[in-house]
Amino acid sequence: MSKDLSLFLGQLLRNPREISAVVPSSRSLAAAMAAPLAPGNGPVAEFGPGTGRITREILARGVPPRDLVLYEMNGAFCNLLRLNFPGVKVLNRPAQQAALDFRGSLAAVVSGLPLLSIPEPVQHDILSAAFTALRPGGCLVQFTYGTKPPVAEEVRQALDIVAWSGRRIWQNLPPARVYIYRRSAEISVVAR
């Protein structure tokens, strides 16, 4: 068993409410999450990187380590991330902090947070922070194991954001779907 998986399972047993998956994301899901990113577009934040499966794919996509910031609440995962990803900034704080750290300057936010299991007011705060941190044209990439979009309809309406649904990733346990969220007002600009 890999060191990352051992740590993941140990944290799952210690903090089952904090860890929302039974195993880390598959490489297929991680690649689908990183696919919308383009090298050289600027800083990217990852919310809830866990053991770093998606982080690894973000870097493989060409995002330089200096342009990647990870927001992770689990201290043990933060230590592992710092060890495995030199040059990447790892912050042991909530995703909501991104609004203060990157007001309008992020190219993208990639989120592995379990939004469907997060209360709607907290979900609103997380998404509001993400879109405050994103520059015009920026996007939020989110996955879900559920059958419906991971961001509640009320939150999407309140923040005036829209989602595009990607393909289902069957090579993940459980299967997952990736969604890309953008500001409604920017849809015509992005489509050009």
N, C-alpha and C. Protein backbone atom coordinates (compact mmCIF):
# COMPACT_ATOMS: atom_id res chain seq x y z
N MET A 1 0.85 -1.18 0.00
CA MET A 1 0.00 0.00 0.00
C MET A 1 0.89 1.24 0.00
N SER A 2 0.58 2.21 -0.84
CA SER A 2 1.40 3.42 -0.93
C SER A 2 1.27 4.25 0.35
N LYS A 3 2.29 5.05 0.59
CA LYS A 3 2.30 5.94 1.76
C LYS A 3 1.12 6.91 1.72
N ASP A 4 0.81 7.45 0.52
CA ASP A 4 -0.32 8.37 0.38
C ASP A 4 -1.64 7.69 0.74
N LEU A 5 -1.84 6.47 0.25
CA LEU A 5 -3.08 5.75 0.53
C LEU A 5 -3.17 5.41 2.01
N SER A 6 -2.07 5.02 2.63
CA SER A 6 -2.06 4.72 4.06
C SER A 6 -2.47 5.95 4.86
N LEU A 7 -1.90 7.11 4.51
CA LEU A 7 -2.26 8.34 5.20
C LEU A 7 -3.74 8.66 4.98
N PHE A 8 -4.19 8.53 3.74
CA PHE A 8 -5.59 8.81 3.42
C PHE A 8 -6.52 7.95 4.27
N LEU A 9 -6.27 6.64 4.29
CA LEU A 9 -7.14 5.72 5.04
C LEU A 9 -7.07 6.01 6.54
N GLY A 10 -5.88 6.33 7.04
CA GLY A 10 -5.74 6.69 8.46
C GLY A 10 -6.55 7.93 8.81
N GLN A 11 -6.51 8.94 7.94
CA GLN A 11 -7.28 10.16 8.19
C GLN A 11 -8.78 9.89 8.06
N LEU A 12 -9.15 9.01 7.14
CA LEU A 12 -10.56 8.65 6.97
C LEU A 12 -11.09 8.01 8.26
N LEU A 13 -10.30 7.13 8.85
CA LEU A 13 -10.72 6.48 10.09
C LEU A 13 -10.77 7.45 11.27
N ARG A 14 -9.82 8.39 11.32
CA ARG A 14 -9.78 9.37 12.42
C ARG A 14 -10.84 10.46 12.26
N ASN A 15 -11.07 10.88 11.02
CA ASN A 15 -11.96 12.03 10.76
C ASN A 15 -12.93 11.72 9.63
N PRO A 16 -13.85 10.77 9.80
CA PRO A 16 -14.73 10.39 8.68
C PRO A 16 -15.59 11.53 8.15
N ARG A 17 -15.94 12.50 8.98
CA ARG A 17 -16.75 13.63 8.50
C ARG A 17 -15.93 14.59 7.64
N GLU A 18 -14.64 14.62 7.88
CA GLU A 18 -13.76 15.53 7.15
C GLU A 18 -13.35 14.96 5.79
N ILE A 19 -13.27 13.63 5.68
CA ILE A 19 -12.85 12.97 4.45
C ILE A 19 -14.10 12.41 3.78
N SER A 20 -14.41 12.89 2.59
CA SER A 20 -15.70 12.55 1.97
C SER A 20 -15.64 11.38 1.00
N ALA A 21 -14.47 10.85 0.74
CA ALA A 21 -14.33 9.76 -0.23
C ALA A 21 -13.81 8.52 0.48
N VAL A 22 -14.02 7.37 -0.15
CA VAL A 22 -13.51 6.13 0.43
C VAL A 22 -12.09 5.82 -0.05
N VAL A 23 -11.70 6.39 -1.17
CA VAL A 23 -10.33 6.28 -1.69
C VAL A 23 -10.00 7.61 -2.39
N PRO A 24 -8.71 7.93 -2.55
CA PRO A 24 -8.36 9.15 -3.28
C PRO A 24 -8.88 9.12 -4.72
N SER A 25 -8.98 10.29 -5.32
CA SER A 25 -9.43 10.40 -6.72
C SER A 25 -8.52 9.59 -7.63
N SER A 26 -9.11 9.02 -8.68
CA SER A 26 -8.34 8.26 -9.66
C SER A 26 -7.55 9.22 -10.55
N ARG A 27 -6.58 8.67 -11.25
CA ARG A 27 -5.80 9.48 -12.20
C ARG A 27 -6.71 10.01 -13.31
N SER A 28 -7.71 9.22 -13.72
CA SER A 28 -8.65 9.67 -14.77
C SER A 28 -9.44 10.88 -14.32
N LEU A 29 -9.94 10.85 -13.08
CA LEU A 29 -10.68 12.00 -12.56
C LEU A 29 -9.75 13.19 -12.41
N ALA A 30 -8.57 12.97 -11.87
CA ALA A 30 -7.61 14.06 -11.69
C ALA A 30 -7.27 14.72 -13.03
N ALA A 31 -7.08 13.92 -14.07
CA ALA A 31 -6.77 14.47 -15.39
C ALA A 31 -7.94 15.27 -15.94
N ALA A 32 -9.17 14.81 -15.72
CA ALA A 32 -10.35 15.54 -16.18
C ALA A 32 -10.50 16.87 -15.42
N MET A 33 -10.14 16.89 -14.16
CA MET A 33 -10.21 18.12 -13.38
C MET A 33 -9.18 19.15 -13.86
N ALA A 34 -8.01 18.67 -14.27
CA ALA A 34 -6.95 19.58 -14.71
C ALA A 34 -7.09 19.99 -16.18
N ALA A 35 -7.88 19.27 -16.95
CA ALA A 35 -7.99 19.50 -18.39
C ALA A 35 -8.35 20.94 -18.78
N PRO A 36 -9.22 21.67 -18.04
CA PRO A 36 -9.55 23.04 -18.45
C PRO A 36 -8.42 24.05 -18.23
N LEU A 37 -7.35 23.66 -17.56
CA LEU A 37 -6.27 24.59 -17.25
C LEU A 37 -5.29 24.70 -18.40
N ALA A 38 -4.74 25.90 -18.56
CA ALA A 38 -3.75 26.12 -19.61
C ALA A 38 -2.48 26.68 -18.98
N PRO A 39 -1.32 26.19 -19.38
CA PRO A 39 -0.06 26.71 -18.84
C PRO A 39 0.08 28.20 -19.14
N GLY A 40 0.63 28.92 -18.18
CA GLY A 40 0.91 30.34 -18.40
C GLY A 40 -0.28 31.26 -18.24
N ASN A 41 -1.44 30.72 -17.84
CA ASN A 41 -2.62 31.58 -17.67
C ASN A 41 -2.65 32.30 -16.34
N GLY A 42 -1.75 31.95 -15.44
CA GLY A 42 -1.71 32.63 -14.16
C GLY A 42 -2.00 31.71 -13.00
N PRO A 43 -2.13 32.30 -11.82
CA PRO A 43 -2.25 31.48 -10.61
C PRO A 43 -3.53 30.65 -10.55
N VAL A 44 -3.39 29.48 -9.94
CA VAL A 44 -4.50 28.54 -9.75
C VAL A 44 -4.55 28.18 -8.28
N ALA A 45 -5.74 28.10 -7.71
CA ALA A 45 -5.92 27.62 -6.34
C ALA A 45 -6.63 26.28 -6.39
N GLU A 46 -6.22 25.38 -5.50
CA GLU A 46 -6.92 24.11 -5.36
C GLU A 46 -7.51 24.06 -3.96
N PHE A 47 -8.81 23.81 -3.88
CA PHE A 47 -9.50 23.68 -2.60
C PHE A 47 -9.63 22.20 -2.26
N GLY A 48 -9.15 21.82 -1.08
CA GLY A 48 -9.29 20.44 -0.64
C GLY A 48 -8.46 19.45 -1.42
N PRO A 49 -7.13 19.65 -1.54
CA PRO A 49 -6.32 18.75 -2.35
C PRO A 49 -6.08 17.37 -1.75
N GLY A 50 -6.36 17.19 -0.48
CA GLY A 50 -6.17 15.86 0.12
C GLY A 50 -4.73 15.39 0.00
N THR A 51 -4.52 14.23 -0.62
CA THR A 51 -3.16 13.68 -0.77
C THR A 51 -2.45 14.17 -2.03
N GLY A 52 -3.14 14.95 -2.87
CA GLY A 52 -2.47 15.57 -4.01
C GLY A 52 -2.63 14.89 -5.36
N ARG A 53 -3.60 14.00 -5.51
CA ARG A 53 -3.80 13.36 -6.82
C ARG A 53 -4.10 14.40 -7.90
N ILE A 54 -5.02 15.30 -7.61
CA ILE A 54 -5.38 16.33 -8.60
C ILE A 54 -4.24 17.33 -8.73
N THR A 55 -3.59 17.65 -7.62
CA THR A 55 -2.44 18.57 -7.64
C THR A 55 -1.40 18.09 -8.65
N ARG A 56 -1.10 16.81 -8.62
CA ARG A 56 -0.09 16.22 -9.52
C ARG A 56 -0.49 16.47 -10.98
N GLU A 57 -1.77 16.31 -11.30
CA GLU A 57 -2.24 16.51 -12.68
C GLU A 57 -2.25 17.98 -13.07
N ILE A 58 -2.54 18.86 -12.10
CA ILE A 58 -2.48 20.30 -12.39
C ILE A 58 -1.06 20.68 -12.80
N LEU A 59 -0.08 20.18 -12.07
CA LEU A 59 1.32 20.46 -12.40
C LEU A 59 1.70 19.82 -13.73
N ALA A 60 1.22 18.61 -13.99
CA ALA A 60 1.51 17.92 -15.26
C ALA A 60 0.91 18.68 -16.44
N ARG A 61 -0.14 19.44 -16.19
CA ARG A 61 -0.80 20.25 -17.23
C ARG A 61 0.05 21.45 -17.63
N GLY A 62 1.09 21.73 -16.83
CA GLY A 62 1.99 22.84 -17.15
C GLY A 62 1.86 24.04 -16.24
N VAL A 63 1.03 23.97 -15.21
CA VAL A 63 0.95 25.07 -14.25
C VAL A 63 2.22 25.02 -13.40
N PRO A 64 3.02 26.09 -13.40
CA PRO A 64 4.26 26.08 -12.62
C PRO A 64 3.97 26.00 -11.12
N PRO A 65 4.80 25.31 -10.35
CA PRO A 65 4.57 25.22 -8.90
C PRO A 65 4.36 26.58 -8.23
N ARG A 66 5.09 27.61 -8.67
CA ARG A 66 4.96 28.94 -8.06
C ARG A 66 3.57 29.54 -8.29
N ASP A 67 2.83 29.03 -9.30
CA ASP A 67 1.50 29.55 -9.62
C ASP A 67 0.37 28.71 -9.02
N LEU A 68 0.70 27.78 -8.13
CA LEU A 68 -0.31 26.91 -7.55
C LEU A 68 -0.34 27.09 -6.03
N VAL A 69 -1.55 27.34 -5.50
CA VAL A 69 -1.76 27.49 -4.06
C VAL A 69 -2.81 26.48 -3.63
N LEU A 70 -2.51 25.73 -2.58
CA LEU A 70 -3.41 24.70 -2.07
C LEU A 70 -4.00 25.13 -0.74
N TYR A 71 -5.32 25.02 -0.62
CA TYR A 71 -6.04 25.29 0.63
C TYR A 71 -6.52 23.96 1.18
N GLU A 72 -5.92 23.53 2.28
CA GLU A 72 -6.24 22.23 2.88
C GLU A 72 -6.39 22.39 4.39
N MET A 73 -7.49 21.90 4.94
CA MET A 73 -7.76 22.03 6.37
C MET A 73 -7.11 20.92 7.21
N ASN A 74 -6.78 19.79 6.61
CA ASN A 74 -6.21 18.67 7.34
C ASN A 74 -4.69 18.85 7.45
N GLY A 75 -4.19 18.98 8.68
CA GLY A 75 -2.77 19.23 8.91
C GLY A 75 -1.87 18.12 8.39
N ALA A 76 -2.29 16.86 8.54
CA ALA A 76 -1.48 15.74 8.06
C ALA A 76 -1.36 15.77 6.54
N PHE A 77 -2.45 16.09 5.86
CA PHE A 77 -2.39 16.22 4.40
C PHE A 77 -1.48 17.39 4.00
N CYS A 78 -1.55 18.51 4.75
CA CYS A 78 -0.67 19.65 4.44
C CYS A 78 0.79 19.24 4.50
N ASN A 79 1.16 18.50 5.53
CA ASN A 79 2.56 18.05 5.65
C ASN A 79 2.97 17.20 4.45
N LEU A 80 2.10 16.27 4.04
CA LEU A 80 2.39 15.42 2.88
C LEU A 80 2.51 16.26 1.61
N LEU A 81 1.60 17.21 1.43
CA LEU A 81 1.62 18.06 0.24
C LEU A 81 2.91 18.89 0.17
N ARG A 82 3.33 19.44 1.29
CA ARG A 82 4.58 20.22 1.32
C ARG A 82 5.78 19.34 0.95
N LEU A 83 5.77 18.12 1.42
CA LEU A 83 6.86 17.18 1.13
C LEU A 83 6.87 16.78 -0.35
N ASN A 84 5.69 16.49 -0.91
CA ASN A 84 5.59 15.98 -2.28
C ASN A 84 5.63 17.04 -3.37
N PHE A 85 5.33 18.30 -3.03
CA PHE A 85 5.22 19.34 -4.06
C PHE A 85 6.04 20.58 -3.69
N PRO A 86 7.36 20.48 -3.73
CA PRO A 86 8.18 21.65 -3.42
C PRO A 86 7.88 22.79 -4.40
N GLY A 87 7.86 23.99 -3.87
CA GLY A 87 7.57 25.16 -4.70
C GLY A 87 6.10 25.52 -4.76
N VAL A 88 5.22 24.59 -4.35
CA VAL A 88 3.79 24.87 -4.31
C VAL A 88 3.46 25.43 -2.93
N LYS A 89 2.68 26.47 -2.88
CA LYS A 89 2.30 27.07 -1.60
C LYS A 89 1.14 26.27 -1.00
N VAL A 90 1.35 25.72 0.20
CA VAL A 90 0.33 24.93 0.88
C VAL A 90 -0.13 25.70 2.10
N LEU A 91 -1.42 26.01 2.15
CA LEU A 91 -2.00 26.78 3.25
C LEU A 91 -2.95 25.92 4.06
N ASN A 92 -2.73 25.86 5.35
CA ASN A 92 -3.59 25.11 6.26
C ASN A 92 -4.69 26.05 6.75
N ARG A 93 -5.59 26.38 5.82
CA ARG A 93 -6.70 27.27 6.14
C ARG A 93 -7.87 27.00 5.21
N PRO A 94 -9.03 27.54 5.56
CA PRO A 94 -10.23 27.26 4.76
C PRO A 94 -10.19 27.93 3.39
N ALA A 95 -10.93 27.35 2.46
CA ALA A 95 -11.01 27.86 1.10
C ALA A 95 -11.51 29.31 1.06
N GLN A 96 -12.34 29.68 2.01
CA GLN A 96 -12.89 31.04 2.04
C GLN A 96 -11.80 32.10 2.11
N GLN A 97 -10.62 31.74 2.59
CA GLN A 97 -9.50 32.66 2.71
C GLN A 97 -9.02 33.14 1.33
N ALA A 98 -9.29 32.38 0.29
CA ALA A 98 -8.84 32.75 -1.05
C ALA A 98 -9.36 34.12 -1.48
N ALA A 99 -10.54 34.49 -1.01
CA ALA A 99 -11.11 35.80 -1.37
C ALA A 99 -10.20 36.93 -0.90
N LEU A 100 -9.57 36.76 0.24
CA LEU A 100 -8.67 37.79 0.77
C LEU A 100 -7.27 37.68 0.14
N ASP A 101 -6.86 36.47 -0.17
CA ASP A 101 -5.52 36.25 -0.71
C ASP A 101 -5.38 36.61 -2.18
N PHE A 102 -6.46 36.47 -2.95
CA PHE A 102 -6.37 36.61 -4.42
C PHE A 102 -7.51 37.43 -5.00
N ARG A 103 -7.87 38.49 -4.43
CA ARG A 103 -9.01 39.27 -4.92
C ARG A 103 -8.87 39.59 -6.40
N GLY A 104 -9.62 38.83 -7.24
CA GLY A 104 -9.68 39.08 -8.67
C GLY A 104 -8.45 38.72 -9.48
N SER A 105 -7.60 37.82 -8.99
CA SER A 105 -6.37 37.54 -9.74
C SER A 105 -6.16 36.07 -10.13
N LEU A 106 -7.00 35.16 -9.66
CA LEU A 106 -6.82 33.75 -10.01
C LEU A 106 -7.35 33.44 -11.40
N ALA A 107 -6.63 32.60 -12.13
CA ALA A 107 -7.10 32.14 -13.44
C ALA A 107 -8.15 31.05 -13.27
N ALA A 108 -7.99 30.21 -12.23
CA ALA A 108 -8.92 29.11 -12.01
C ALA A 108 -8.87 28.64 -10.56
N VAL A 109 -9.97 28.05 -10.14
CA VAL A 109 -10.05 27.34 -8.86
C VAL A 109 -10.45 25.92 -9.19
N VAL A 110 -9.70 24.96 -8.66
CA VAL A 110 -10.00 23.54 -8.84
C VAL A 110 -10.40 23.02 -7.46
N SER A 111 -11.60 22.47 -7.35
CA SER A 111 -12.11 22.10 -6.04
C SER A 111 -12.45 20.61 -5.93
N GLY A 112 -11.88 19.99 -4.91
CA GLY A 112 -12.24 18.62 -4.57
C GLY A 112 -13.10 18.57 -3.33
N LEU A 113 -13.64 19.71 -2.92
CA LEU A 113 -14.48 19.75 -1.72
C LEU A 113 -15.79 19.01 -1.96
N PRO A 114 -16.32 18.34 -0.95
CA PRO A 114 -17.58 17.59 -1.09
C PRO A 114 -18.79 18.51 -0.96
N LEU A 115 -19.02 19.34 -1.96
CA LEU A 115 -20.05 20.38 -1.86
C LEU A 115 -21.44 19.85 -1.55
N LEU A 116 -21.79 18.68 -2.07
CA LEU A 116 -23.14 18.15 -1.81
C LEU A 116 -23.38 17.86 -0.33
N SER A 117 -22.31 17.62 0.42
CA SER A 117 -22.48 17.32 1.84
C SER A 117 -22.22 18.54 2.73
N ILE A 118 -21.97 19.68 2.11
CA ILE A 118 -21.70 20.91 2.86
C ILE A 118 -23.00 21.72 2.95
N PRO A 119 -23.34 22.22 4.15
CA PRO A 119 -24.56 23.03 4.28
C PRO A 119 -24.56 24.20 3.30
N GLU A 120 -25.74 24.53 2.81
CA GLU A 120 -25.86 25.55 1.76
C GLU A 120 -25.22 26.90 2.13
N PRO A 121 -25.38 27.41 3.37
CA PRO A 121 -24.73 28.69 3.68
C PRO A 121 -23.19 28.62 3.57
N VAL A 122 -22.60 27.50 3.97
CA VAL A 122 -21.15 27.34 3.87
C VAL A 122 -20.76 27.18 2.40
N GLN A 123 -21.56 26.42 1.66
CA GLN A 123 -21.33 26.27 0.22
C GLN A 123 -21.33 27.64 -0.45
N HIS A 124 -22.28 28.48 -0.08
CA HIS A 124 -22.36 29.84 -0.62
C HIS A 124 -21.08 30.61 -0.30
N ASP A 125 -20.61 30.52 0.95
CA ASP A 125 -19.40 31.24 1.35
C ASP A 125 -18.18 30.78 0.55
N ILE A 126 -18.06 29.47 0.33
CA ILE A 126 -16.93 28.92 -0.41
C ILE A 126 -16.96 29.39 -1.87
N LEU A 127 -18.14 29.29 -2.50
CA LEU A 127 -18.26 29.70 -3.91
C LEU A 127 -18.12 31.21 -4.06
N SER A 128 -18.64 31.96 -3.12
CA SER A 128 -18.48 33.41 -3.16
C SER A 128 -17.00 33.78 -3.07
N ALA A 129 -16.27 33.11 -2.17
CA ALA A 129 -14.83 33.36 -2.05
C ALA A 129 -14.10 33.01 -3.35
N ALA A 130 -14.47 31.88 -3.94
CA ALA A 130 -13.83 31.46 -5.19
C ALA A 130 -14.04 32.51 -6.28
N PHE A 131 -15.27 32.98 -6.44
CA PHE A 131 -15.53 33.93 -7.52
C PHE A 131 -15.03 35.33 -7.20
N THR A 132 -14.84 35.66 -5.93
CA THR A 132 -14.17 36.91 -5.57
C THR A 132 -12.70 36.82 -5.93
N ALA A 133 -12.10 35.66 -5.73
CA ALA A 133 -10.68 35.45 -6.01
C ALA A 133 -10.39 35.34 -7.51
N LEU A 134 -11.37 34.88 -8.29
CA LEU A 134 -11.17 34.68 -9.73
C LEU A 134 -11.17 36.01 -10.48
N ARG A 135 -10.30 36.11 -11.46
CA ARG A 135 -10.31 37.29 -12.33
C ARG A 135 -11.43 37.13 -13.37
N PRO A 136 -11.76 38.17 -14.10
CA PRO A 136 -12.75 38.03 -15.17
C PRO A 136 -12.34 36.92 -16.14
N GLY A 137 -13.29 36.07 -16.49
CA GLY A 137 -13.03 34.95 -17.39
C GLY A 137 -12.54 33.70 -16.68
N GLY A 138 -12.26 33.80 -15.38
CA GLY A 138 -11.79 32.64 -14.63
C GLY A 138 -12.91 31.63 -14.40
N CYS A 139 -12.53 30.40 -14.08
CA CYS A 139 -13.53 29.35 -13.87
C CYS A 139 -13.25 28.55 -12.61
N LEU A 140 -14.29 27.93 -12.11
CA LEU A 140 -14.21 26.99 -11.00
C LEU A 140 -14.47 25.60 -11.56
N VAL A 141 -13.57 24.66 -11.31
CA VAL A 141 -13.73 23.28 -11.74
C VAL A 141 -14.04 22.45 -10.50
N GLN A 142 -15.13 21.71 -10.54
CA GLN A 142 -15.61 20.95 -9.37
C GLN A 142 -16.09 19.58 -9.83
N PHE A 143 -15.87 18.57 -9.01
CA PHE A 143 -16.44 17.26 -9.34
C PHE A 143 -17.44 16.85 -8.28
N THR A 144 -18.25 15.88 -8.64
CA THR A 144 -19.22 15.33 -7.70
C THR A 144 -19.41 13.85 -7.98
N TYR A 145 -19.77 13.12 -6.94
CA TYR A 145 -20.16 11.72 -7.09
C TYR A 145 -21.66 11.63 -7.28
N GLY A 146 -22.36 12.72 -7.02
CA GLY A 146 -23.82 12.72 -7.07
C GLY A 146 -24.37 12.76 -8.49
N THR A 147 -25.69 12.66 -8.57
CA THR A 147 -26.37 12.67 -9.86
C THR A 147 -26.82 14.07 -10.26
N LYS A 148 -26.68 15.03 -9.36
CA LYS A 148 -27.07 16.41 -9.67
C LYS A 148 -25.85 17.32 -9.55
N PRO A 149 -25.93 18.55 -10.08
CA PRO A 149 -24.80 19.46 -9.97
C PRO A 149 -24.40 19.67 -8.51
N PRO A 150 -23.11 19.81 -8.23
CA PRO A 150 -22.66 19.90 -6.85
C PRO A 150 -22.96 21.23 -6.15
N VAL A 151 -23.24 22.28 -6.90
CA VAL A 151 -23.56 23.57 -6.31
C VAL A 151 -25.08 23.72 -6.32
N ALA A 152 -25.65 23.99 -5.15
CA ALA A 152 -27.10 24.12 -5.02
C ALA A 152 -27.64 25.21 -5.95
N GLU A 153 -28.82 24.98 -6.49
CA GLU A 153 -29.46 25.93 -7.41
C GLU A 153 -29.57 27.33 -6.77
N GLU A 154 -29.93 27.39 -5.49
CA GLU A 154 -30.06 28.68 -4.80
C GLU A 154 -28.73 29.42 -4.76
N VAL A 155 -27.65 28.69 -4.56
CA VAL A 155 -26.31 29.29 -4.52
C VAL A 155 -25.92 29.79 -5.91
N ARG A 156 -26.20 28.98 -6.94
CA ARG A 156 -25.90 29.41 -8.32
C ARG A 156 -26.66 30.69 -8.66
N GLN A 157 -27.92 30.75 -8.28
CA GLN A 157 -28.71 31.94 -8.58
C GLN A 157 -28.21 33.16 -7.80
N ALA A 158 -27.93 32.96 -6.52
CA ALA A 158 -27.47 34.07 -5.69
C ALA A 158 -26.15 34.65 -6.19
N LEU A 159 -25.27 33.80 -6.69
CA LEU A 159 -23.96 34.24 -7.17
C LEU A 159 -23.94 34.51 -8.67
N ASP A 160 -25.06 34.24 -9.34
CA ASP A 160 -25.19 34.45 -10.78
C ASP A 160 -24.10 33.71 -11.56
N ILE A 161 -24.01 32.40 -11.29
CA ILE A 161 -23.05 31.55 -11.99
C ILE A 161 -23.78 30.43 -12.71
N VAL A 162 -23.16 29.91 -13.74
CA VAL A 162 -23.74 28.82 -14.52
C VAL A 162 -22.73 27.68 -14.62
N ALA A 163 -23.25 26.49 -14.90
CA ALA A 163 -22.39 25.30 -14.95
C ALA A 163 -22.47 24.61 -16.29
N TRP A 164 -21.34 24.03 -16.68
CA TRP A 164 -21.29 23.10 -17.81
C TRP A 164 -20.94 21.75 -17.22
N SER A 165 -21.68 20.77 -17.62
CA SER A 165 -21.45 19.41 -17.15
C SER A 165 -20.52 18.68 -18.11
N GLY A 166 -19.50 18.08 -17.56
CA GLY A 166 -18.59 17.28 -18.36
C GLY A 166 -19.03 15.82 -18.37
N ARG A 167 -18.18 14.99 -18.90
CA ARG A 167 -18.51 13.57 -19.00
C ARG A 167 -18.38 12.89 -17.64
N ARG A 168 -19.05 11.77 -17.51
CA ARG A 168 -18.92 10.95 -16.30
C ARG A 168 -17.59 10.21 -16.39
N ILE A 169 -16.87 10.19 -15.28
CA ILE A 169 -15.59 9.48 -15.19
C ILE A 169 -15.86 8.14 -14.54
N TRP A 170 -15.95 7.11 -15.36
CA TRP A 170 -16.27 5.77 -14.87
C TRP A 170 -15.07 5.12 -14.19
N GLN A 171 -13.86 5.58 -14.52
CA GLN A 171 -12.65 4.99 -13.95
C GLN A 171 -12.31 5.64 -12.62
N ASN A 172 -13.30 5.84 -11.78
CA ASN A 172 -13.14 6.40 -10.45
C ASN A 172 -14.06 5.63 -9.51
N LEU A 173 -13.70 5.56 -8.24
CA LEU A 173 -14.53 4.87 -7.26
C LEU A 173 -14.99 5.88 -6.22
N PRO A 174 -16.27 6.23 -6.17
CA PRO A 174 -17.31 5.91 -7.15
C PRO A 174 -17.14 6.77 -8.41
N PRO A 175 -17.88 6.43 -9.48
CA PRO A 175 -17.83 7.26 -10.68
C PRO A 175 -18.17 8.72 -10.34
N ALA A 176 -17.57 9.64 -11.07
CA ALA A 176 -17.73 11.07 -10.78
C ALA A 176 -17.99 11.83 -12.07
N ARG A 177 -18.47 13.06 -11.92
CA ARG A 177 -18.69 13.96 -13.06
C ARG A 177 -18.04 15.30 -12.73
N VAL A 178 -17.42 15.91 -13.73
CA VAL A 178 -16.76 17.20 -13.58
C VAL A 178 -17.68 18.30 -14.09
N TYR A 179 -17.76 19.39 -13.35
CA TYR A 179 -18.53 20.57 -13.75
C TYR A 179 -17.60 21.77 -13.80
N ILE A 180 -17.85 22.68 -14.75
CA ILE A 180 -17.11 23.93 -14.85
C ILE A 180 -18.11 25.06 -14.63
N TYR A 181 -17.81 25.93 -13.67
CA TYR A 181 -18.67 27.06 -13.32
C TYR A 181 -18.02 28.36 -13.75
N ARG A 182 -18.85 29.24 -14.30
CA ARG A 182 -18.41 30.58 -14.71
C ARG A 182 -19.48 31.59 -14.33
N ARG A 183 -19.08 32.85 -14.31
CA ARG A 183 -20.05 33.94 -14.07
C ARG A 183 -20.98 34.04 -15.29
N SER A 184 -22.26 34.19 -15.03
CA SER A 184 -23.25 34.29 -16.12
C SER A 184 -22.93 35.44 -17.07
N ALA A 185 -22.52 36.57 -16.52
CA ALA A 185 -22.25 37.76 -17.33
C ALA A 185 -21.09 37.56 -18.30
N GLU A 186 -20.24 36.58 -18.04
CA GLU A 186 -19.05 36.38 -18.87
C GLU A 186 -19.22 35.29 -19.92
N ILE A 187 -20.37 34.69 -19.98
CA ILE A 187 -20.57 33.56 -20.89
C ILE A 187 -20.32 33.95 -22.34
N SER A 188 -20.87 35.05 -22.80
CA SER A 188 -20.69 35.44 -24.19
C SER A 188 -19.25 35.80 -24.49
N VAL A 189 -18.53 36.35 -23.50
CA VAL A 189 -17.13 36.71 -23.68
C VAL A 189 -16.28 35.44 -23.83
N VAL A 190 -16.55 34.43 -22.99
CA VAL A 190 -15.77 33.19 -23.02
C VAL A 190 -16.06 32.41 -24.31
N ALA A 191 -17.29 32.48 -24.82
CA ALA A 191 -17.69 31.71 -26.00
C ALA A 191 -17.03 32.23 -27.28
N ARG A 192 -16.55 33.45 -27.29
CA ARG A 192 -15.97 34.02 -28.52
C ARG A 192 -14.67 33.42 -28.89
